[in-house]
Amino acid sequence: MPLLNINTNNKLDDKQQLALAASAAVAKALGKPESYVMVQVSDKQALVFAASGEPAAYLELKSIGLPEPETARLSTTLCELINKYCDIDPARIYIEFSNAQRHMWGWNGATF
């Protein structure tokens, strides 16, 4: 049920490695089984931040029961991950957090 979308204007050599590392990090940070985590990585996006095409990233983390008091800690975790795997300065990363309602999240022909 956690979904992390990673969008960057960088060209990434190994998107799968980033996706696997992000999956493990999200599961650990949220205390949820990794078997429910989905990660999507999109590189080479037309992305401009602060009127600059320098490396930047936009992330969306959606989850049922996303703990709002933990978003600052989650931001640190995700920014460190993107810095490590994408070489992007955390000051050039935006993250949108979204707490999904169970009946608004579908899976396996039903909802949670």
N, C-alpha and C. Protein backbone atom coordinates (compact mmCIF):
# COMPACT_ATOMS: atom_id res chain seq x y z
N MET A 1 0.79 -1.20 0.00
CA MET A 1 0.00 0.00 0.00
C MET A 1 0.83 1.27 0.00
N PRO A 2 2.05 1.29 0.55
CA PRO A 2 2.86 2.48 0.30
C PRO A 2 3.31 2.52 -1.15
N LEU A 3 3.22 3.70 -1.73
CA LEU A 3 3.66 3.92 -3.11
C LEU A 3 4.60 5.11 -3.10
N LEU A 4 5.80 4.92 -3.62
CA LEU A 4 6.76 6.00 -3.76
C LEU A 4 7.03 6.22 -5.24
N ASN A 5 6.70 7.40 -5.72
CA ASN A 5 7.03 7.81 -7.08
C ASN A 5 8.24 8.73 -7.01
N ILE A 6 9.25 8.41 -7.79
CA ILE A 6 10.47 9.23 -7.86
C ILE A 6 10.61 9.74 -9.28
N ASN A 7 10.64 11.05 -9.42
CA ASN A 7 10.81 11.70 -10.72
C ASN A 7 12.04 12.59 -10.65
N THR A 8 12.92 12.45 -11.63
CA THR A 8 14.13 13.27 -11.65
C THR A 8 14.49 13.65 -13.08
N ASN A 9 15.20 14.76 -13.21
CA ASN A 9 15.68 15.15 -14.52
C ASN A 9 17.05 14.54 -14.81
N ASN A 10 17.64 13.88 -13.83
CA ASN A 10 18.90 13.16 -14.03
C ASN A 10 18.69 11.91 -14.87
N LYS A 11 19.74 11.50 -15.57
CA LYS A 11 19.75 10.19 -16.22
C LYS A 11 20.34 9.21 -15.21
N LEU A 12 19.60 8.17 -14.89
CA LEU A 12 20.05 7.19 -13.91
C LEU A 12 20.55 5.94 -14.62
N ASP A 13 21.71 5.47 -14.21
CA ASP A 13 22.29 4.27 -14.81
C ASP A 13 21.60 2.99 -14.35
N ASP A 14 21.12 2.99 -13.08
CA ASP A 14 20.52 1.77 -12.55
C ASP A 14 19.26 2.11 -11.75
N LYS A 15 18.16 2.29 -12.48
CA LYS A 15 16.89 2.63 -11.82
C LYS A 15 16.41 1.50 -10.91
N GLN A 16 16.70 0.26 -11.29
CA GLN A 16 16.26 -0.88 -10.49
C GLN A 16 16.94 -0.88 -9.12
N GLN A 17 18.21 -0.56 -9.08
CA GLN A 17 18.94 -0.50 -7.80
C GLN A 17 18.32 0.56 -6.90
N LEU A 18 18.02 1.73 -7.45
CA LEU A 18 17.36 2.79 -6.68
C LEU A 18 16.00 2.32 -6.19
N ALA A 19 15.22 1.69 -7.07
CA ALA A 19 13.88 1.22 -6.69
C ALA A 19 13.94 0.21 -5.55
N LEU A 20 14.88 -0.71 -5.63
CA LEU A 20 15.01 -1.71 -4.56
C LEU A 20 15.44 -1.09 -3.24
N ALA A 21 16.39 -0.16 -3.29
CA ALA A 21 16.83 0.52 -2.07
C ALA A 21 15.70 1.36 -1.49
N ALA A 22 14.94 2.04 -2.36
CA ALA A 22 13.83 2.86 -1.90
C ALA A 22 12.73 2.00 -1.29
N SER A 23 12.46 0.84 -1.87
CA SER A 23 11.46 -0.07 -1.34
C SER A 23 11.80 -0.49 0.09
N ALA A 24 13.04 -0.88 0.29
CA ALA A 24 13.47 -1.29 1.63
C ALA A 24 13.41 -0.12 2.61
N ALA A 25 13.81 1.06 2.17
CA ALA A 25 13.81 2.23 3.05
C ALA A 25 12.39 2.63 3.45
N VAL A 26 11.46 2.60 2.51
CA VAL A 26 10.07 2.97 2.81
C VAL A 26 9.45 1.96 3.76
N ALA A 27 9.67 0.68 3.50
CA ALA A 27 9.13 -0.36 4.39
C ALA A 27 9.64 -0.17 5.81
N LYS A 28 10.93 0.04 5.95
CA LYS A 28 11.52 0.22 7.27
C LYS A 28 11.00 1.49 7.94
N ALA A 29 10.97 2.60 7.20
CA ALA A 29 10.55 3.88 7.78
C ALA A 29 9.09 3.87 8.22
N LEU A 30 8.25 3.14 7.47
CA LEU A 30 6.82 3.11 7.81
C LEU A 30 6.44 1.90 8.66
N GLY A 31 7.37 0.98 8.85
CA GLY A 31 7.06 -0.22 9.63
C GLY A 31 6.03 -1.10 8.95
N LYS A 32 6.10 -1.16 7.62
CA LYS A 32 5.15 -1.96 6.85
C LYS A 32 5.90 -3.05 6.10
N PRO A 33 5.24 -4.16 5.79
CA PRO A 33 5.92 -5.22 5.05
C PRO A 33 6.33 -4.74 3.66
N GLU A 34 7.54 -5.08 3.26
CA GLU A 34 8.01 -4.67 1.95
C GLU A 34 7.18 -5.30 0.83
N SER A 35 6.50 -6.38 1.13
CA SER A 35 5.66 -7.03 0.12
C SER A 35 4.50 -6.14 -0.33
N TYR A 36 4.20 -5.08 0.40
CA TYR A 36 3.14 -4.15 0.02
C TYR A 36 3.67 -2.87 -0.61
N VAL A 37 4.97 -2.67 -0.63
CA VAL A 37 5.55 -1.42 -1.11
C VAL A 37 5.74 -1.46 -2.62
N MET A 38 5.36 -0.35 -3.27
CA MET A 38 5.59 -0.19 -4.71
C MET A 38 6.41 1.07 -4.92
N VAL A 39 7.40 0.98 -5.81
CA VAL A 39 8.25 2.13 -6.13
C VAL A 39 8.30 2.27 -7.64
N GLN A 40 8.12 3.50 -8.10
CA GLN A 40 8.23 3.81 -9.52
C GLN A 40 9.31 4.86 -9.69
N VAL A 41 10.23 4.63 -10.61
CA VAL A 41 11.33 5.57 -10.85
C VAL A 41 11.25 6.05 -12.29
N SER A 42 11.20 7.37 -12.46
CA SER A 42 11.19 7.98 -13.79
C SER A 42 12.36 8.96 -13.87
N ASP A 43 13.29 8.69 -14.77
CA ASP A 43 14.43 9.60 -14.94
C ASP A 43 14.28 10.38 -16.24
N LYS A 44 15.20 11.30 -16.48
CA LYS A 44 15.23 12.12 -17.69
C LYS A 44 13.92 12.88 -17.92
N GLN A 45 13.29 13.32 -16.84
CA GLN A 45 12.05 14.07 -16.94
C GLN A 45 12.33 15.54 -17.25
N ALA A 46 11.40 16.20 -17.90
CA ALA A 46 11.50 17.65 -18.11
C ALA A 46 11.12 18.29 -16.78
N LEU A 47 12.11 18.60 -15.98
CA LEU A 47 11.88 19.09 -14.62
C LEU A 47 12.78 20.29 -14.37
N VAL A 48 12.16 21.40 -14.01
CA VAL A 48 12.89 22.62 -13.70
C VAL A 48 12.53 23.01 -12.28
N PHE A 49 13.52 23.35 -11.48
CA PHE A 49 13.30 23.76 -10.09
C PHE A 49 14.11 25.03 -9.84
N ALA A 50 13.46 26.03 -9.30
CA ALA A 50 14.10 27.33 -9.03
C ALA A 50 14.70 27.91 -10.30
N ALA A 51 13.94 27.81 -11.39
CA ALA A 51 14.34 28.35 -12.70
C ALA A 51 15.65 27.75 -13.20
N SER A 52 15.93 26.50 -12.81
CA SER A 52 17.18 25.84 -13.20
C SER A 52 16.91 24.40 -13.60
N GLY A 53 17.63 23.95 -14.61
CA GLY A 53 17.56 22.56 -15.04
C GLY A 53 18.61 21.69 -14.37
N GLU A 54 19.28 22.22 -13.35
CA GLU A 54 20.25 21.41 -12.59
C GLU A 54 19.54 20.21 -11.99
N PRO A 55 20.28 19.15 -11.61
CA PRO A 55 19.65 17.96 -11.06
C PRO A 55 18.67 18.29 -9.93
N ALA A 56 17.47 17.71 -10.05
CA ALA A 56 16.40 17.92 -9.09
C ALA A 56 15.52 16.68 -9.07
N ALA A 57 14.67 16.58 -8.05
CA ALA A 57 13.76 15.44 -7.95
C ALA A 57 12.46 15.86 -7.29
N TYR A 58 11.39 15.20 -7.71
CA TYR A 58 10.08 15.35 -7.09
C TYR A 58 9.62 13.95 -6.71
N LEU A 59 9.27 13.77 -5.44
CA LEU A 59 8.83 12.48 -4.94
C LEU A 59 7.41 12.60 -4.41
N GLU A 60 6.65 11.52 -4.54
CA GLU A 60 5.33 11.41 -3.93
C GLU A 60 5.33 10.13 -3.11
N LEU A 61 5.03 10.25 -1.82
CA LEU A 61 4.89 9.08 -0.96
C LEU A 61 3.45 9.04 -0.49
N LYS A 62 2.74 7.99 -0.91
CA LYS A 62 1.34 7.79 -0.52
C LYS A 62 1.25 6.49 0.26
N SER A 63 0.45 6.51 1.32
CA SER A 63 0.28 5.30 2.10
C SER A 63 -0.96 5.41 2.96
N ILE A 64 -1.58 4.29 3.23
CA ILE A 64 -2.67 4.23 4.19
C ILE A 64 -2.04 4.35 5.57
N GLY A 65 -2.58 5.24 6.37
CA GLY A 65 -2.06 5.41 7.73
C GLY A 65 -0.71 6.11 7.78
N LEU A 66 -0.43 6.97 6.81
CA LEU A 66 0.84 7.70 6.81
C LEU A 66 0.90 8.58 8.07
N PRO A 67 1.88 8.38 8.91
CA PRO A 67 1.94 9.12 10.18
C PRO A 67 2.41 10.56 9.97
N GLU A 68 1.47 11.50 10.03
CA GLU A 68 1.80 12.91 9.78
C GLU A 68 2.91 13.44 10.69
N PRO A 69 2.96 13.05 11.96
CA PRO A 69 4.05 13.56 12.80
C PRO A 69 5.44 13.06 12.37
N GLU A 70 5.49 12.07 11.49
CA GLU A 70 6.75 11.48 11.06
C GLU A 70 7.24 12.00 9.71
N THR A 71 6.52 12.94 9.10
CA THR A 71 6.90 13.36 7.76
C THR A 71 8.28 14.03 7.71
N ALA A 72 8.67 14.73 8.77
CA ALA A 72 10.01 15.34 8.76
C ALA A 72 11.09 14.25 8.74
N ARG A 73 10.90 13.20 9.52
CA ARG A 73 11.85 12.08 9.54
C ARG A 73 11.85 11.36 8.19
N LEU A 74 10.67 11.18 7.61
CA LEU A 74 10.57 10.55 6.30
C LEU A 74 11.25 11.40 5.23
N SER A 75 11.11 12.71 5.33
CA SER A 75 11.76 13.60 4.39
C SER A 75 13.27 13.44 4.46
N THR A 76 13.81 13.39 5.66
CA THR A 76 15.26 13.19 5.82
C THR A 76 15.69 11.87 5.19
N THR A 77 14.98 10.80 5.49
CA THR A 77 15.31 9.47 4.95
C THR A 77 15.30 9.47 3.42
N LEU A 78 14.24 10.03 2.84
CA LEU A 78 14.11 10.02 1.38
C LEU A 78 15.13 10.94 0.71
N CYS A 79 15.39 12.10 1.31
CA CYS A 79 16.39 13.01 0.74
C CYS A 79 17.78 12.39 0.77
N GLU A 80 18.11 11.69 1.85
CA GLU A 80 19.41 11.01 1.94
C GLU A 80 19.51 9.92 0.87
N LEU A 81 18.43 9.20 0.65
CA LEU A 81 18.40 8.13 -0.35
C LEU A 81 18.61 8.71 -1.75
N ILE A 82 17.90 9.77 -2.08
CA ILE A 82 18.02 10.38 -3.41
C ILE A 82 19.39 11.00 -3.59
N ASN A 83 19.93 11.59 -2.55
CA ASN A 83 21.28 12.15 -2.63
C ASN A 83 22.29 11.05 -2.92
N LYS A 84 22.15 9.93 -2.24
CA LYS A 84 23.10 8.81 -2.39
C LYS A 84 23.01 8.18 -3.79
N TYR A 85 21.81 7.90 -4.26
CA TYR A 85 21.65 7.16 -5.51
C TYR A 85 21.55 8.04 -6.76
N CYS A 86 21.18 9.31 -6.58
CA CYS A 86 20.99 10.18 -7.74
C CYS A 86 21.92 11.39 -7.73
N ASP A 87 22.68 11.55 -6.66
CA ASP A 87 23.60 12.68 -6.51
C ASP A 87 22.87 14.02 -6.67
N ILE A 88 21.73 14.12 -5.98
CA ILE A 88 20.94 15.35 -6.02
C ILE A 88 20.96 15.98 -4.63
N ASP A 89 21.28 17.26 -4.58
CA ASP A 89 21.30 18.02 -3.34
C ASP A 89 19.89 18.01 -2.72
N PRO A 90 19.76 17.67 -1.44
CA PRO A 90 18.44 17.67 -0.79
C PRO A 90 17.69 18.99 -0.92
N ALA A 91 18.40 20.10 -1.11
CA ALA A 91 17.75 21.40 -1.30
C ALA A 91 17.04 21.48 -2.65
N ARG A 92 17.25 20.48 -3.52
CA ARG A 92 16.61 20.46 -4.83
C ARG A 92 15.64 19.28 -4.96
N ILE A 93 15.08 18.90 -3.82
CA ILE A 93 14.13 17.79 -3.77
C ILE A 93 12.84 18.26 -3.09
N TYR A 94 11.73 18.06 -3.76
CA TYR A 94 10.41 18.27 -3.14
C TYR A 94 9.78 16.90 -2.93
N ILE A 95 9.06 16.77 -1.81
CA ILE A 95 8.37 15.52 -1.50
C ILE A 95 6.93 15.85 -1.11
N GLU A 96 5.99 15.18 -1.74
CA GLU A 96 4.58 15.31 -1.37
C GLU A 96 4.17 14.05 -0.61
N PHE A 97 3.64 14.23 0.59
CA PHE A 97 3.16 13.12 1.40
C PHE A 97 1.63 13.09 1.32
N SER A 98 1.08 11.89 1.19
CA SER A 98 -0.36 11.75 1.08
C SER A 98 -0.82 10.54 1.89
N ASN A 99 -1.80 10.77 2.75
CA ASN A 99 -2.38 9.72 3.57
C ASN A 99 -3.67 9.25 2.90
N ALA A 100 -3.65 8.06 2.33
CA ALA A 100 -4.81 7.54 1.60
C ALA A 100 -5.80 6.86 2.54
N GLN A 101 -7.07 7.05 2.25
CA GLN A 101 -8.12 6.35 2.99
C GLN A 101 -8.23 4.93 2.45
N ARG A 102 -8.49 3.98 3.32
CA ARG A 102 -8.54 2.57 2.92
C ARG A 102 -9.48 2.31 1.76
N HIS A 103 -10.66 2.91 1.78
CA HIS A 103 -11.63 2.65 0.72
C HIS A 103 -11.26 3.34 -0.60
N MET A 104 -10.21 4.16 -0.58
CA MET A 104 -9.76 4.85 -1.80
C MET A 104 -8.48 4.23 -2.36
N TRP A 105 -8.10 3.06 -1.85
CA TRP A 105 -6.88 2.39 -2.31
C TRP A 105 -7.26 0.97 -2.71
N GLY A 106 -7.18 0.68 -4.00
CA GLY A 106 -7.55 -0.63 -4.50
C GLY A 106 -6.37 -1.57 -4.63
N TRP A 107 -6.65 -2.86 -4.46
CA TRP A 107 -5.65 -3.90 -4.62
C TRP A 107 -6.35 -5.25 -4.71
N ASN A 108 -5.89 -6.08 -5.60
CA ASN A 108 -6.34 -7.45 -5.72
C ASN A 108 -7.87 -7.55 -5.90
N GLY A 109 -8.41 -6.63 -6.68
CA GLY A 109 -9.85 -6.67 -6.98
C GLY A 109 -10.74 -6.13 -5.88
N ALA A 110 -10.15 -5.52 -4.86
CA ALA A 110 -10.93 -4.98 -3.73
C ALA A 110 -10.25 -3.70 -3.25
N THR A 111 -10.61 -3.24 -2.09
CA THR A 111 -9.93 -2.12 -1.46
C THR A 111 -9.44 -2.58 -0.08
N PHE A 112 -8.58 -1.76 0.49
CA PHE A 112 -8.05 -2.11 1.82
C PHE A 112 -9.07 -1.79 2.90
